N, C-alpha and C. Protein backbone atom coordinates (compact mmCIF):
# COMPACT_ATOMS: atom_id res chain seq x y z
N MET A 1 30.46 42.19 39.48
CA MET A 1 31.75 42.54 40.00
C MET A 1 32.02 43.99 39.54
N ALA A 2 32.58 44.37 40.91
CA ALA A 2 33.31 45.82 40.87
C ALA A 2 34.35 45.84 40.22
N LYS A 3 34.58 47.11 39.24
CA LYS A 3 36.04 47.33 38.47
C LYS A 3 36.53 48.54 39.04
N ILE A 4 37.59 48.53 39.79
CA ILE A 4 38.25 49.40 40.48
C ILE A 4 39.36 50.18 39.29
N THR A 5 39.12 51.62 39.33
CA THR A 5 40.09 52.22 38.24
C THR A 5 40.82 53.15 39.15
N LYS A 6 41.96 53.81 38.51
CA LYS A 6 42.93 54.72 38.83
C LYS A 6 42.18 56.17 39.63
N ASP A 7 41.34 56.58 38.76
CA ASP A 7 40.31 57.88 38.78
C ASP A 7 39.32 57.83 40.26
N MET A 8 39.12 56.35 40.60
CA MET A 8 38.22 56.55 41.94
C MET A 8 38.88 56.98 43.25
N ILE A 9 38.11 57.32 43.89
CA ILE A 9 38.11 57.91 45.38
C ILE A 9 38.51 56.97 46.38
N ILE A 10 39.65 56.93 47.11
CA ILE A 10 39.86 55.90 48.02
C ILE A 10 38.72 55.51 48.95
N ALA A 11 37.99 56.68 49.54
CA ALA A 11 36.87 56.46 50.54
C ALA A 11 35.59 55.66 49.51
N ASP A 12 35.53 56.07 48.40
CA ASP A 12 34.57 55.05 47.67
C ASP A 12 34.64 53.80 47.44
N VAL A 13 35.78 53.15 47.17
CA VAL A 13 36.28 51.76 47.26
C VAL A 13 36.08 51.26 48.85
N LEU A 14 36.62 52.14 49.60
CA LEU A 14 36.39 51.53 51.03
C LEU A 14 34.99 51.25 51.41
N ARG A 15 34.32 52.23 50.82
CA ARG A 15 32.64 52.16 51.05
C ARG A 15 31.80 50.69 50.45
N MET A 16 32.50 50.59 49.12
CA MET A 16 32.05 49.13 48.61
C MET A 16 32.25 48.08 49.36
N ASP A 17 33.67 48.06 49.98
CA ASP A 17 33.92 46.82 50.75
C ASP A 17 35.15 47.28 51.72
N ARG A 18 34.83 47.40 53.03
CA ARG A 18 35.91 47.65 54.12
C ARG A 18 36.74 46.80 54.21
N GLU A 19 36.92 45.66 53.41
CA GLU A 19 37.61 44.34 53.52
C GLU A 19 38.88 44.88 52.66
N THR A 20 39.11 46.06 51.67
CA THR A 20 39.96 46.26 50.95
C THR A 20 41.06 47.47 51.75
N ALA A 21 40.69 47.66 52.90
CA ALA A 21 41.69 48.67 53.80
C ALA A 21 42.91 47.82 54.00
N PRO A 22 43.01 46.72 54.32
CA PRO A 22 44.28 45.76 54.36
C PRO A 22 44.98 45.93 52.90
N ILE A 23 44.36 45.81 51.75
CA ILE A 23 45.08 46.04 50.58
C ILE A 23 45.80 47.43 50.58
N PHE A 24 45.25 48.52 50.64
CA PHE A 24 45.82 49.84 50.59
C PHE A 24 46.62 49.75 51.63
N MET A 25 46.75 49.23 52.84
CA MET A 25 47.81 49.54 53.88
C MET A 25 48.73 48.75 53.26
N ARG A 26 48.79 47.55 52.85
CA ARG A 26 49.67 46.64 52.27
C ARG A 26 50.88 47.45 51.28
N HIS A 27 49.94 48.36 50.51
CA HIS A 27 50.66 49.16 49.40
C HIS A 27 51.42 50.48 49.87
N GLY A 28 50.97 50.70 51.26
CA GLY A 28 51.66 52.04 51.79
C GLY A 28 50.43 52.88 52.10
N LEU A 29 49.53 52.93 52.14
CA LEU A 29 48.48 54.06 52.31
C LEU A 29 47.91 53.50 53.39
N HIS A 30 48.73 54.20 54.61
CA HIS A 30 48.00 53.85 55.81
C HIS A 30 47.00 54.83 56.27
N CYS A 31 46.86 56.03 55.99
CA CYS A 31 46.07 57.21 56.40
C CYS A 31 44.62 57.08 55.71
N LEU A 32 44.11 55.88 55.80
CA LEU A 32 42.73 55.76 55.21
C LEU A 32 41.54 56.57 55.87
N GLY A 33 41.83 57.03 57.07
CA GLY A 33 40.73 57.88 57.42
C GLY A 33 41.04 59.37 57.60
N CYS A 34 42.21 59.72 56.83
CA CYS A 34 42.30 60.96 56.75
C CYS A 34 41.48 61.76 55.83
N PRO A 35 41.12 63.09 55.84
CA PRO A 35 40.52 63.73 54.78
C PRO A 35 40.74 63.84 53.37
N ALA A 36 42.00 63.78 53.31
CA ALA A 36 42.60 63.39 51.74
C ALA A 36 41.83 62.31 51.00
N SER A 37 41.50 61.10 51.85
CA SER A 37 41.05 59.86 51.36
C SER A 37 39.73 59.71 50.77
N SER A 38 38.93 60.92 51.29
CA SER A 38 37.61 61.20 50.88
C SER A 38 37.47 61.97 49.60
N MET A 39 38.69 62.52 49.22
CA MET A 39 38.77 63.49 48.10
C MET A 39 39.90 63.03 46.73
N GLU A 40 40.58 62.17 47.34
CA GLU A 40 41.85 61.79 46.54
C GLU A 40 41.45 60.49 45.57
N SER A 41 42.13 60.66 44.40
CA SER A 41 42.00 59.31 43.62
C SER A 41 42.96 58.59 43.92
N ILE A 42 42.90 57.15 43.93
CA ILE A 42 43.69 56.25 44.08
C ILE A 42 45.22 56.75 43.21
N ALA A 43 45.08 57.01 42.30
CA ALA A 43 46.23 57.67 41.40
C ALA A 43 47.11 58.55 42.00
N ASP A 44 46.12 59.54 42.54
CA ASP A 44 46.95 60.72 43.11
C ASP A 44 47.55 60.26 44.62
N ALA A 45 47.06 59.51 45.17
CA ALA A 45 47.45 59.10 46.51
C ALA A 45 48.77 58.21 46.28
N ALA A 46 48.83 57.34 45.08
CA ALA A 46 50.01 56.55 44.84
C ALA A 46 51.27 57.52 44.45
N MET A 47 50.69 58.68 43.73
CA MET A 47 51.88 59.30 43.18
C MET A 47 52.25 60.18 44.41
N VAL A 48 51.59 60.65 45.20
CA VAL A 48 52.22 61.33 46.37
C VAL A 48 52.97 60.59 47.36
N HIS A 49 52.50 59.34 47.35
CA HIS A 49 53.27 58.43 48.19
C HIS A 49 54.38 57.49 47.54
N GLY A 50 54.58 57.66 45.98
CA GLY A 50 55.75 57.19 45.56
C GLY A 50 55.19 55.79 45.33
N LEU A 51 54.20 55.31 45.00
CA LEU A 51 53.86 53.91 45.00
C LEU A 51 53.25 53.41 43.55
N SER A 52 53.37 52.04 43.52
CA SER A 52 52.80 51.67 41.85
C SER A 52 51.26 51.59 42.01
N VAL A 53 50.73 52.33 41.17
CA VAL A 53 49.04 52.47 41.06
C VAL A 53 48.94 50.87 40.25
N ASP A 54 49.65 50.77 39.53
CA ASP A 54 48.87 49.55 38.77
C ASP A 54 49.08 48.50 39.60
N ALA A 55 49.86 48.23 40.43
CA ALA A 55 50.11 46.99 41.31
C ALA A 55 48.75 47.26 42.45
N LEU A 56 48.65 48.37 43.04
CA LEU A 56 47.51 48.45 43.88
C LEU A 56 46.26 48.23 43.16
N ILE A 57 46.11 48.60 41.64
CA ILE A 57 44.53 48.65 41.30
C ILE A 57 44.52 46.71 40.85
N ASP A 58 45.65 46.26 40.53
CA ASP A 58 45.47 45.04 40.12
C ASP A 58 45.17 44.07 41.60
N ASP A 59 45.79 44.51 42.58
CA ASP A 59 45.28 43.73 43.72
C ASP A 59 43.92 44.16 44.18
N LEU A 60 43.42 45.40 44.11
CA LEU A 60 42.25 45.59 44.48
C LEU A 60 41.16 44.66 43.68
N ASN A 61 41.46 44.81 42.39
CA ASN A 61 40.63 44.17 41.20
C ASN A 61 40.44 42.54 41.38
N GLU A 62 41.62 42.23 41.87
CA GLU A 62 42.03 40.62 42.33
C GLU A 62 41.04 40.33 43.41
N PHE A 63 40.76 41.21 44.32
CA PHE A 63 40.21 40.99 45.49
C PHE A 63 38.66 40.88 45.11
N PHE A 64 38.26 41.93 44.64
CA PHE A 64 36.83 41.87 43.97
C PHE A 64 36.50 40.77 43.15
N ALA A 65 37.40 40.08 42.33
CA ALA A 65 37.08 39.08 41.50
C ALA A 65 36.87 37.91 42.33
N LYS A 66 37.70 37.77 43.37
CA LYS A 66 37.47 36.66 44.13
C LYS A 66 36.60 36.81 44.94
N LYS A 67 35.58 37.69 45.26
CA LYS A 67 34.49 37.79 46.05
C LYS A 67 33.53 37.53 45.29
N GLY A 68 33.36 37.62 43.76
CA GLY A 68 32.46 37.38 43.05
C GLY A 68 32.53 36.19 42.58
N GLU A 69 33.29 35.11 42.77
CA GLU A 69 33.12 33.89 42.48
C GLU A 69 32.33 33.20 43.27
């Protein structure tokens, strides 16, 4: 099972599974195709957008946990 951390790059997580895109979008990260997503960590993006990084990480890890069942 994949373990998502705050320091991971958004584009890397999307490459792991494109089905994570709706999770990012639900948390307010709508510009997944912008150049910053290929260089920006999840924590940095959450900070810039004023989002809860912990809630996003929890949802991403829950998604991967369910896929691994």
